[in-house]
Amino acid sequence: MKGRTTKGAKLYVAFLRSRGAEMVIINGEEKEAEGKTMQQYLDEEGYNTARLAVEINGEILPKAKYSETILSDRDKIEIVSFVGGG
């Protein structure tokens, strides 16, 4: 939903839900990612998997499981990227 306003995004999500779309909550936002693997989602969004951690429904997801973990309706996912600095 890039480029949409917050109000517009909420209306779009409401529309999708009314059509039976299943949503995944990622970093507090509802996304259309149900049925994708975690790896597919990360690749599509341009994440560098070498520098991040993923938590799914309160559990840390090992990197080795990214390509076999399928996202389900209402999963709650947190993605944290590590950045260097000083």
Protein backbone atom coordinates (compact mmCIF):
# COMPACT_ATOMS: atom_id res chain seq x y z
CA MET A 1 0.00 0.00 0.00
CA LYS A 2 2.88 2.32 -0.71
CA GLY A 3 1.86 5.88 -1.48
CA ARG A 4 -1.51 5.68 0.26
CA THR A 5 -2.56 7.90 3.12
CA THR A 6 -3.23 6.32 6.49
CA LYS A 7 -6.97 6.91 6.05
CA GLY A 8 -6.81 5.60 2.50
CA ALA A 9 -4.85 2.54 3.63
CA LYS A 10 -7.42 1.76 6.32
CA LEU A 11 -10.24 2.05 3.80
CA TYR A 12 -8.35 -0.19 1.37
CA VAL A 13 -7.80 -2.81 4.09
CA ALA A 14 -11.49 -2.63 5.02
CA PHE A 15 -12.37 -3.15 1.34
CA LEU A 16 -10.04 -6.15 1.07
CA ARG A 17 -11.47 -7.69 4.24
CA SER A 18 -15.02 -7.21 2.89
CA ARG A 19 -13.94 -9.20 -0.17
CA GLY A 20 -12.60 -12.00 2.03
CA ALA A 21 -8.92 -11.08 1.71
CA GLU A 22 -6.72 -12.46 4.45
CA MET A 23 -4.24 -10.09 6.04
CA VAL A 24 -1.02 -10.49 7.98
CA ILE A 25 0.06 -7.86 10.51
CA ILE A 26 3.67 -6.86 9.89
CA ASN A 27 5.28 -4.23 12.09
CA GLY A 28 1.82 -3.08 13.15
CA GLU A 29 0.38 -2.74 9.63
CA GLU A 30 -1.99 -5.10 7.84
CA LYS A 31 -0.43 -6.47 4.66
CA GLU A 32 -1.60 -8.81 1.91
CA ALA A 33 1.00 -11.50 2.55
CA GLU A 34 -1.08 -14.53 3.53
CA GLY A 35 0.08 -17.67 1.71
CA LYS A 36 3.58 -16.36 0.98
CA THR A 37 6.64 -17.72 2.69
CA MET A 38 8.50 -15.39 5.01
CA GLN A 39 11.40 -15.43 2.53
CA GLN A 40 9.13 -14.44 -0.37
CA TYR A 41 7.77 -11.51 1.61
CA LEU A 42 11.23 -10.34 2.67
CA ASP A 43 12.56 -10.61 -0.90
CA GLU A 44 9.58 -8.71 -2.35
CA GLU A 45 10.04 -5.92 0.19
CA GLY A 46 13.80 -5.69 -0.42
CA TYR A 47 15.01 -6.71 3.05
CA ASN A 48 18.64 -7.77 3.52
CA THR A 49 18.13 -11.01 5.46
CA ALA A 50 21.73 -11.00 6.67
CA ARG A 51 20.98 -7.99 8.88
CA LEU A 52 17.56 -8.65 10.37
CA ALA A 53 15.61 -10.66 12.90
CA VAL A 54 12.03 -11.86 12.49
CA GLU A 55 9.54 -12.62 15.24
CA ILE A 56 6.29 -14.35 14.33
CA ASN A 57 3.48 -14.58 16.87
CA GLY A 58 5.90 -13.87 19.71
CA GLU A 59 8.55 -16.41 18.67
CA ILE A 60 11.90 -15.69 17.00
CA LEU A 61 11.96 -17.31 13.57
CA PRO A 62 15.36 -18.86 12.72
CA LYS A 63 16.71 -17.76 9.33
CA ALA A 64 16.82 -21.41 8.23
CA LYS A 65 13.01 -21.49 8.48
CA TYR A 66 12.25 -18.34 6.40
CA SER A 67 11.70 -20.28 3.16
CA GLU A 68 9.46 -22.93 4.75
CA THR A 69 7.33 -20.70 7.01
CA ILE A 70 4.05 -19.81 5.29
CA LEU A 71 2.32 -16.66 6.51
CA SER A 72 -1.24 -17.15 7.71
CA ASP A 73 -4.20 -14.86 8.22
CA ARG A 74 -3.74 -12.68 11.31
CA ASP A 75 -0.11 -13.69 11.96
CA LYS A 76 1.67 -10.95 13.91
CA ILE A 77 5.17 -10.37 12.61
CA GLU A 78 7.89 -8.00 13.72
CA ILE A 79 10.88 -7.42 11.46
CA VAL A 80 13.88 -5.69 12.97
CA SER A 81 16.80 -4.53 10.82
CA PHE A 82 20.19 -4.02 12.38
CA VAL A 83 22.15 -0.95 11.32
CA GLY A 84 25.70 0.00 12.11
CA GLY A 85 26.73 3.33 13.48
CA GLY A 86 28.58 4.97 16.23
